[in-house]
């Protein structure tokens, strides 16, 4: 495995650990399993988008390219800035 792949998976592990720990700490605040799952998935996806955007590690920045058109979906934008617009999360 190349060094960039190791760095990538280390960052993925950090995201998972963070989301699990935050969820455990806040679980008693939830009265609805849907809100909990929305927040867990939101936090996970947000972390992944930050990773792609290059905000988690300066050694990594990714492109999402359409294999059909060749267009780069995240050209000139930070994906994590759009999570709140498209994904569900609670106020817990």
N, C-alpha and C. Protein backbone atom coordinates (compact mmCIF):
# COMPACT_ATOMS: atom_id res chain seq x y z
N UNK A 1 0.85 -1.18 0.00
CA UNK A 1 0.00 0.00 0.00
C UNK A 1 0.90 1.24 0.00
N UNK A 2 0.55 2.21 -0.80
CA UNK A 2 1.34 3.44 -0.87
C UNK A 2 1.04 4.32 0.35
N UNK A 3 1.94 5.20 0.65
CA UNK A 3 1.85 6.05 1.84
C UNK A 3 0.54 6.84 1.87
N UNK A 4 0.11 7.38 0.75
CA UNK A 4 -1.13 8.15 0.71
C UNK A 4 -2.33 7.29 1.11
N UNK A 5 -2.31 6.03 0.72
CA UNK A 5 -3.41 5.13 1.11
C UNK A 5 -3.39 4.90 2.62
N UNK A 6 -2.22 4.73 3.20
CA UNK A 6 -2.12 4.58 4.65
C UNK A 6 -2.67 5.82 5.36
N UNK A 7 -2.27 6.98 4.88
CA UNK A 7 -2.74 8.24 5.48
C UNK A 7 -4.26 8.34 5.35
N UNK A 8 -4.77 8.01 4.18
CA UNK A 8 -6.21 8.05 3.94
C UNK A 8 -6.95 7.18 4.95
N UNK A 9 -6.53 5.93 5.11
CA UNK A 9 -7.24 5.01 6.02
C UNK A 9 -7.05 5.39 7.48
N UNK A 10 -5.92 5.99 7.82
CA UNK A 10 -5.74 6.49 9.18
C UNK A 10 -6.75 7.61 9.47
N UNK A 11 -6.97 8.47 8.49
CA UNK A 11 -7.95 9.56 8.66
C UNK A 11 -9.37 9.00 8.75
N UNK A 12 -9.68 7.98 7.97
CA UNK A 12 -10.99 7.33 8.04
C UNK A 12 -11.20 6.74 9.44
N UNK A 13 -10.18 6.11 9.99
CA UNK A 13 -10.27 5.55 11.34
C UNK A 13 -10.53 6.66 12.36
N UNK A 14 -9.87 7.81 12.20
CA UNK A 14 -10.07 8.94 13.11
C UNK A 14 -11.51 9.44 13.04
N UNK A 15 -12.06 9.51 11.84
CA UNK A 15 -13.45 9.94 11.67
C UNK A 15 -14.38 8.97 12.38
N UNK A 16 -14.18 7.68 12.18
CA UNK A 16 -15.03 6.69 12.83
C UNK A 16 -14.92 6.78 14.34
N UNK A 17 -13.72 6.87 14.87
CA UNK A 17 -13.54 6.98 16.32
C UNK A 17 -14.22 8.22 16.88
N UNK A 18 -14.07 9.34 16.18
CA UNK A 18 -14.69 10.59 16.61
C UNK A 18 -16.21 10.45 16.66
N UNK A 19 -16.80 9.94 15.60
CA UNK A 19 -18.26 9.83 15.52
C UNK A 19 -18.78 8.87 16.59
N UNK A 20 -18.12 7.77 16.79
CA UNK A 20 -18.54 6.82 17.82
C UNK A 20 -18.47 7.47 19.19
N UNK A 21 -17.36 8.13 19.50
CA UNK A 21 -17.20 8.74 20.82
C UNK A 21 -18.20 9.86 21.07
N UNK A 22 -18.44 10.70 20.08
CA UNK A 22 -19.42 11.78 20.22
C UNK A 22 -20.81 11.19 20.41
N UNK A 23 -21.14 10.17 19.66
CA UNK A 23 -22.46 9.55 19.74
C UNK A 23 -22.68 8.91 21.11
N UNK A 24 -21.68 8.25 21.63
CA UNK A 24 -21.79 7.64 22.96
C UNK A 24 -21.99 8.71 24.02
N UNK A 25 -21.26 9.80 23.90
CA UNK A 25 -21.36 10.88 24.88
C UNK A 25 -22.73 11.56 24.86
N UNK A 26 -23.37 11.60 23.70
CA UNK A 26 -24.65 12.31 23.56
C UNK A 26 -25.86 11.40 23.50
N UNK A 27 -25.69 10.10 23.59
CA UNK A 27 -26.79 9.16 23.35
C UNK A 27 -27.98 9.40 24.29
N UNK A 28 -27.72 9.79 25.51
CA UNK A 28 -28.81 9.99 26.47
C UNK A 28 -29.68 11.21 26.12
N UNK A 29 -29.20 12.08 25.26
CA UNK A 29 -29.96 13.26 24.85
C UNK A 29 -31.00 12.95 23.77
N UNK A 30 -30.93 11.76 23.20
CA UNK A 30 -31.83 11.40 22.10
C UNK A 30 -33.04 10.65 22.63
N UNK A 31 -34.21 11.05 22.14
CA UNK A 31 -35.44 10.33 22.45
C UNK A 31 -36.02 9.66 21.21
N UNK A 32 -35.29 9.79 20.11
CA UNK A 32 -35.76 9.26 18.83
C UNK A 32 -34.56 8.63 18.10
N UNK A 33 -34.67 7.36 17.78
CA UNK A 33 -33.58 6.64 17.11
C UNK A 33 -33.28 7.24 15.73
N UNK A 34 -34.30 7.77 15.06
CA UNK A 34 -34.08 8.38 13.75
C UNK A 34 -33.17 9.60 13.85
N UNK A 35 -33.38 10.42 14.88
CA UNK A 35 -32.52 11.60 15.08
C UNK A 35 -31.09 11.17 15.36
N UNK A 36 -30.94 10.15 16.18
CA UNK A 36 -29.60 9.64 16.49
C UNK A 36 -28.91 9.16 15.21
N UNK A 37 -29.60 8.35 14.43
CA UNK A 37 -29.00 7.82 13.21
C UNK A 37 -28.74 8.91 12.18
N UNK A 38 -29.62 9.90 12.09
CA UNK A 38 -29.37 11.03 11.19
C UNK A 38 -28.10 11.76 11.60
N UNK A 39 -27.91 11.97 12.91
CA UNK A 39 -26.73 12.68 13.38
C UNK A 39 -25.46 11.86 13.19
N UNK A 40 -25.53 10.57 13.46
CA UNK A 40 -24.36 9.71 13.27
C UNK A 40 -23.94 9.71 11.80
N UNK A 41 -24.89 9.55 10.90
CA UNK A 41 -24.54 9.53 9.48
C UNK A 41 -24.11 10.92 9.00
N UNK A 42 -24.76 11.98 9.51
CA UNK A 42 -24.36 13.34 9.16
C UNK A 42 -22.91 13.59 9.55
N UNK A 43 -22.57 13.28 10.80
CA UNK A 43 -21.21 13.52 11.29
C UNK A 43 -20.19 12.71 10.50
N UNK A 44 -20.54 11.48 10.14
CA UNK A 44 -19.64 10.64 9.36
C UNK A 44 -19.44 11.20 7.96
N UNK A 45 -20.52 11.53 7.31
CA UNK A 45 -20.44 12.07 5.94
C UNK A 45 -19.72 13.41 5.94
N UNK A 46 -20.01 14.26 6.92
CA UNK A 46 -19.34 15.56 7.02
C UNK A 46 -17.83 15.36 7.15
N UNK A 47 -17.42 14.43 8.00
CA UNK A 47 -16.00 14.14 8.16
C UNK A 47 -15.36 13.65 6.88
N UNK A 48 -16.07 12.79 6.16
CA UNK A 48 -15.55 12.30 4.88
C UNK A 48 -15.43 13.42 3.86
N UNK A 49 -16.39 14.33 3.83
CA UNK A 49 -16.34 15.45 2.90
C UNK A 49 -15.17 16.39 3.27
N UNK A 50 -14.95 16.60 4.57
CA UNK A 50 -13.79 17.39 4.99
C UNK A 50 -12.48 16.73 4.54
N UNK A 51 -12.44 15.41 4.62
CA UNK A 51 -11.25 14.68 4.17
C UNK A 51 -11.02 14.88 2.68
N UNK A 52 -12.07 14.73 1.89
CA UNK A 52 -11.96 14.94 0.44
C UNK A 52 -11.56 16.38 0.14
N UNK A 53 -12.09 17.33 0.92
CA UNK A 53 -11.79 18.75 0.72
C UNK A 53 -10.37 19.13 1.14
N UNK A 54 -9.68 18.22 1.82
CA UNK A 54 -8.32 18.51 2.26
C UNK A 54 -8.22 19.19 3.60
N UNK A 55 -9.31 19.19 4.38
CA UNK A 55 -9.31 19.86 5.68
C UNK A 55 -8.90 18.97 6.85
N UNK A 56 -8.81 17.68 6.64
CA UNK A 56 -8.42 16.76 7.71
C UNK A 56 -6.91 16.55 7.74
N UNK A 57 -6.28 16.60 6.59
CA UNK A 57 -4.86 16.33 6.48
C UNK A 57 -4.33 17.05 5.25
N UNK A 58 -3.31 17.87 5.44
CA UNK A 58 -2.77 18.65 4.33
C UNK A 58 -2.19 17.79 3.21
N UNK A 59 -1.88 16.53 3.52
CA UNK A 59 -1.30 15.63 2.52
C UNK A 59 -2.36 15.01 1.61
N UNK A 60 -3.63 15.24 1.92
CA UNK A 60 -4.71 14.62 1.14
C UNK A 60 -5.72 15.67 0.68
N UNK A 61 -6.07 15.60 -0.56
CA UNK A 61 -7.20 16.32 -1.13
C UNK A 61 -7.66 15.48 -2.31
N UNK A 62 -8.96 15.24 -2.40
CA UNK A 62 -9.46 14.36 -3.43
C UNK A 62 -10.33 15.04 -4.46
N UNK A 63 -10.50 14.36 -5.57
CA UNK A 63 -11.42 14.78 -6.62
C UNK A 63 -12.49 13.71 -6.78
N UNK A 64 -13.69 14.17 -7.01
CA UNK A 64 -14.77 13.25 -7.38
C UNK A 64 -15.10 13.56 -8.83
N UNK A 65 -14.83 12.60 -9.67
CA UNK A 65 -14.97 12.79 -11.11
C UNK A 65 -16.07 11.88 -11.65
N UNK A 66 -16.93 12.45 -12.48
CA UNK A 66 -17.93 11.66 -13.18
C UNK A 66 -17.22 10.84 -14.26
N UNK A 67 -17.40 9.54 -14.19
CA UNK A 67 -16.78 8.67 -15.20
C UNK A 67 -17.45 8.84 -16.56
N UNK A 68 -18.67 9.33 -16.57
CA UNK A 68 -19.41 9.51 -17.82
C UNK A 68 -19.00 10.79 -18.53
N UNK A 69 -19.06 11.91 -17.82
CA UNK A 69 -18.76 13.19 -18.46
C UNK A 69 -17.32 13.64 -18.29
N UNK A 70 -16.65 13.11 -17.28
CA UNK A 70 -15.29 13.56 -16.98
C UNK A 70 -15.25 14.80 -16.11
N UNK A 71 -16.41 15.37 -15.81
CA UNK A 71 -16.47 16.57 -14.98
C UNK A 71 -16.05 16.25 -13.55
N UNK A 72 -15.35 17.19 -12.93
CA UNK A 72 -14.98 17.05 -11.53
C UNK A 72 -16.10 17.68 -10.69
N UNK A 73 -16.78 16.85 -9.93
CA UNK A 73 -17.96 17.28 -9.18
C UNK A 73 -17.60 18.31 -8.11
N UNK A 74 -16.46 18.17 -7.50
CA UNK A 74 -16.09 19.09 -6.42
C UNK A 74 -15.09 20.16 -6.86
N UNK A 75 -15.07 20.48 -8.15
CA UNK A 75 -14.20 21.54 -8.64
C UNK A 75 -14.65 22.88 -8.07
N UNK A 76 -13.72 23.65 -7.56
CA UNK A 76 -13.98 25.01 -7.05
C UNK A 76 -15.02 25.05 -5.94
N UNK A 77 -15.08 24.01 -5.12
CA UNK A 77 -16.02 24.01 -4.00
C UNK A 77 -15.51 23.10 -2.90
N UNK A 78 -15.97 23.35 -1.69
CA UNK A 78 -15.73 22.46 -0.57
C UNK A 78 -17.02 21.71 -0.29
N UNK A 79 -16.97 20.41 -0.43
CA UNK A 79 -18.16 19.57 -0.28
C UNK A 79 -18.79 19.67 1.10
N UNK A 80 -17.96 19.77 2.15
CA UNK A 80 -18.51 19.78 3.50
C UNK A 80 -19.42 20.98 3.75
N UNK A 81 -19.25 22.04 2.99
CA UNK A 81 -20.11 23.22 3.15
C UNK A 81 -21.55 22.97 2.71
N UNK A 82 -21.80 21.90 2.00
CA UNK A 82 -23.13 21.61 1.49
C UNK A 82 -23.87 20.54 2.30
N UNK A 83 -23.24 19.98 3.30
CA UNK A 83 -23.87 18.92 4.10
C UNK A 83 -25.17 19.40 4.75
N UNK A 84 -25.13 20.55 5.36
CA UNK A 84 -26.31 21.04 6.06
C UNK A 84 -27.48 21.28 5.10
N UNK A 85 -27.16 21.66 3.88
CA UNK A 85 -28.19 21.92 2.87
C UNK A 85 -28.89 20.63 2.40
N UNK A 86 -28.16 19.53 2.35
CA UNK A 86 -28.68 18.31 1.76
C UNK A 86 -28.97 17.17 2.74
N UNK A 87 -28.35 17.20 3.92
CA UNK A 87 -28.49 16.08 4.85
C UNK A 87 -29.30 16.47 6.08
N UNK A 88 -29.94 15.49 6.67
CA UNK A 88 -30.72 15.70 7.90
C UNK A 88 -29.79 15.63 9.10
N UNK A 89 -30.02 16.53 10.06
CA UNK A 89 -29.36 16.45 11.36
C UNK A 89 -30.27 17.13 12.38
N UNK A 90 -30.11 16.75 13.63
CA UNK A 90 -30.98 17.30 14.68
C UNK A 90 -30.28 18.44 15.40
N UNK A 91 -30.96 19.01 16.37
CA UNK A 91 -30.41 20.08 17.18
C UNK A 91 -29.85 19.57 18.51
N UNK A 92 -29.70 18.26 18.63
CA UNK A 92 -29.22 17.68 19.90
C UNK A 92 -27.76 18.00 20.07
